[in-house]
């Protein structure tokens, strides 16, 4: 799959990395640490719109975030 433009949303960027094999599985230590930090950051700023960053409503239930 080729993108006509660079993916700009965080979920799209992570999905692209996973598709290209840069994220082999969700047990990768670096990925786990990144997810933990990002979740803490998101929780610390509830007024920031996740929709505007490209997160779908059910993003926390999607396999990448479990």
C-alpha atoms as a PDB file:
ATOM      1  CA  UNK A   1       0.000   0.000   0.000  1.00  0.00           C
ATOM      2  CA  UNK A   2       1.350   3.394  -0.966  1.00  0.00           C
ATOM      3  CA  UNK A   3       0.254   6.629   0.597  1.00  0.00           C
ATOM      4  CA  UNK A   4      -0.212   9.651  -1.612  1.00  0.00           C
ATOM      5  CA  UNK A   5       0.815  11.764   1.359  1.00  0.00           C
ATOM      6  CA  UNK A   6       2.565  11.125   4.628  1.00  0.00           C
ATOM      7  CA  UNK A   7       0.217   9.902   7.372  1.00  0.00           C
ATOM      8  CA  UNK A   8      -0.089  12.691   9.900  1.00  0.00           C
ATOM      9  CA  UNK A   9      -2.319  11.155  12.552  1.00  0.00           C
ATOM     10  CA  UNK A  10      -0.646   9.274  15.392  1.00  0.00           C
ATOM     11  CA  UNK A  11      -2.759   6.128  14.909  1.00  0.00           C
ATOM     12  CA  UNK A  12      -1.968   6.142  11.178  1.00  0.00           C
ATOM     13  CA  UNK A  13       1.759   6.494  11.812  1.00  0.00           C
ATOM     14  CA  UNK A  14       1.774   3.579  14.255  1.00  0.00           C
ATOM     15  CA  UNK A  15      -0.274   1.415  11.900  1.00  0.00           C
ATOM     16  CA  UNK A  16       2.168   2.212   9.089  1.00  0.00           C
ATOM     17  CA  UNK A  17       5.148   1.212  11.253  1.00  0.00           C
ATOM     18  CA  UNK A  18       3.421  -2.042  12.157  1.00  0.00           C
ATOM     19  CA  UNK A  19       2.556  -2.723   8.511  1.00  0.00           C
ATOM     20  CA  UNK A  20       6.169  -2.229   7.467  1.00  0.00           C
ATOM     21  CA  UNK A  21       7.341  -4.672  10.089  1.00  0.00           C
ATOM     22  CA  UNK A  22       9.011  -2.103  12.310  1.00  0.00           C
ATOM     23  CA  UNK A  23       6.711  -3.124  15.131  1.00  0.00           C
ATOM     24  CA  UNK A  24       6.849  -6.889  15.212  1.00  0.00           C
ATOM     25  CA  UNK A  25       4.412  -7.400  18.048  1.00  0.00           C
ATOM     26  CA  UNK A  26       2.801  -5.540  20.910  1.00  0.00           C
ATOM     27  CA  UNK A  27       5.231  -7.065  23.409  1.00  0.00           C
ATOM     28  CA  UNK A  28       8.160  -5.036  22.069  1.00  0.00           C
ATOM     29  CA  UNK A  29       9.641  -3.241  25.116  1.00  0.00           C
ATOM     30  CA  UNK A  30      10.131   0.076  23.298  1.00  0.00           C
ATOM     31  CA  UNK A  31       6.567   0.020  21.992  1.00  0.00           C
ATOM     32  CA  UNK A  32       5.188  -0.852  25.419  1.00  0.00           C
ATOM     33  CA  UNK A  33       7.128   2.025  27.006  1.00  0.00           C
ATOM     34  CA  UNK A  34       5.977   4.443  24.284  1.00  0.00           C
ATOM     35  CA  UNK A  35       2.347   3.389  24.733  1.00  0.00           C
ATOM     36  CA  UNK A  36       2.540   3.799  28.525  1.00  0.00           C
ATOM     37  CA  UNK A  37       4.032   7.292  28.207  1.00  0.00           C
ATOM     38  CA  UNK A  38       1.533   8.345  25.560  1.00  0.00           C
ATOM     39  CA  UNK A  39      -1.409   7.054  27.615  1.00  0.00           C
ATOM     40  CA  UNK A  40      -0.184   8.979  30.682  1.00  0.00           C
ATOM     41  CA  UNK A  41       0.213  12.108  28.573  1.00  0.00           C
ATOM     42  CA  UNK A  42      -3.277  11.759  27.086  1.00  0.00           C
ATOM     43  CA  UNK A  43      -4.767  11.155  30.543  1.00  0.00           C
ATOM     44  CA  UNK A  44      -2.946  14.218  31.925  1.00  0.00           C
ATOM     45  CA  UNK A  45      -4.541  16.512  29.323  1.00  0.00           C
ATOM     46  CA  UNK A  46      -8.189  15.471  28.944  1.00  0.00           C
ATOM     47  CA  UNK A  47      -9.101  18.771  27.289  1.00  0.00           C
ATOM     48  CA  UNK A  48      -6.958  17.965  24.231  1.00  0.00           C
ATOM     49  CA  UNK A  49      -9.099  16.640  21.381  1.00  0.00           C
ATOM     50  CA  UNK A  50      -8.119  13.098  20.458  1.00  0.00           C
ATOM     51  CA  UNK A  51     -10.445  13.334  17.479  1.00  0.00           C
ATOM     52  CA  UNK A  52      -8.361  16.180  16.050  1.00  0.00           C
ATOM     53  CA  UNK A  53      -5.250  14.019  16.445  1.00  0.00           C
ATOM     54  CA  UNK A  54      -6.932  11.287  14.421  1.00  0.00           C
ATOM     55  CA  UNK A  55      -7.852   8.840  17.166  1.00  0.00           C
ATOM     56  CA  UNK A  56     -11.123   6.972  16.553  1.00  0.00           C
ATOM     57  CA  UNK A  57     -13.620   6.662  19.411  1.00  0.00           C
ATOM     58  CA  UNK A  58     -12.663   3.090  20.250  1.00  0.00           C
ATOM     59  CA  UNK A  59      -8.905   3.516  19.875  1.00  0.00           C
ATOM     60  CA  UNK A  60      -8.077   2.097  23.334  1.00  0.00           C
ATOM     61  CA  UNK A  61      -9.812  -1.176  22.378  1.00  0.00           C
ATOM     62  CA  UNK A  62      -7.874  -1.610  19.134  1.00  0.00           C
ATOM     63  CA  UNK A  63      -5.160  -4.318  19.140  1.00  0.00           C
ATOM     64  CA  UNK A  64      -2.257  -1.879  18.864  1.00  0.00           C
ATOM     65  CA  UNK A  65      -3.200  -0.299  22.211  1.00  0.00           C
ATOM     66  CA  UNK A  66      -4.097  -3.423  24.178  1.00  0.00           C
END
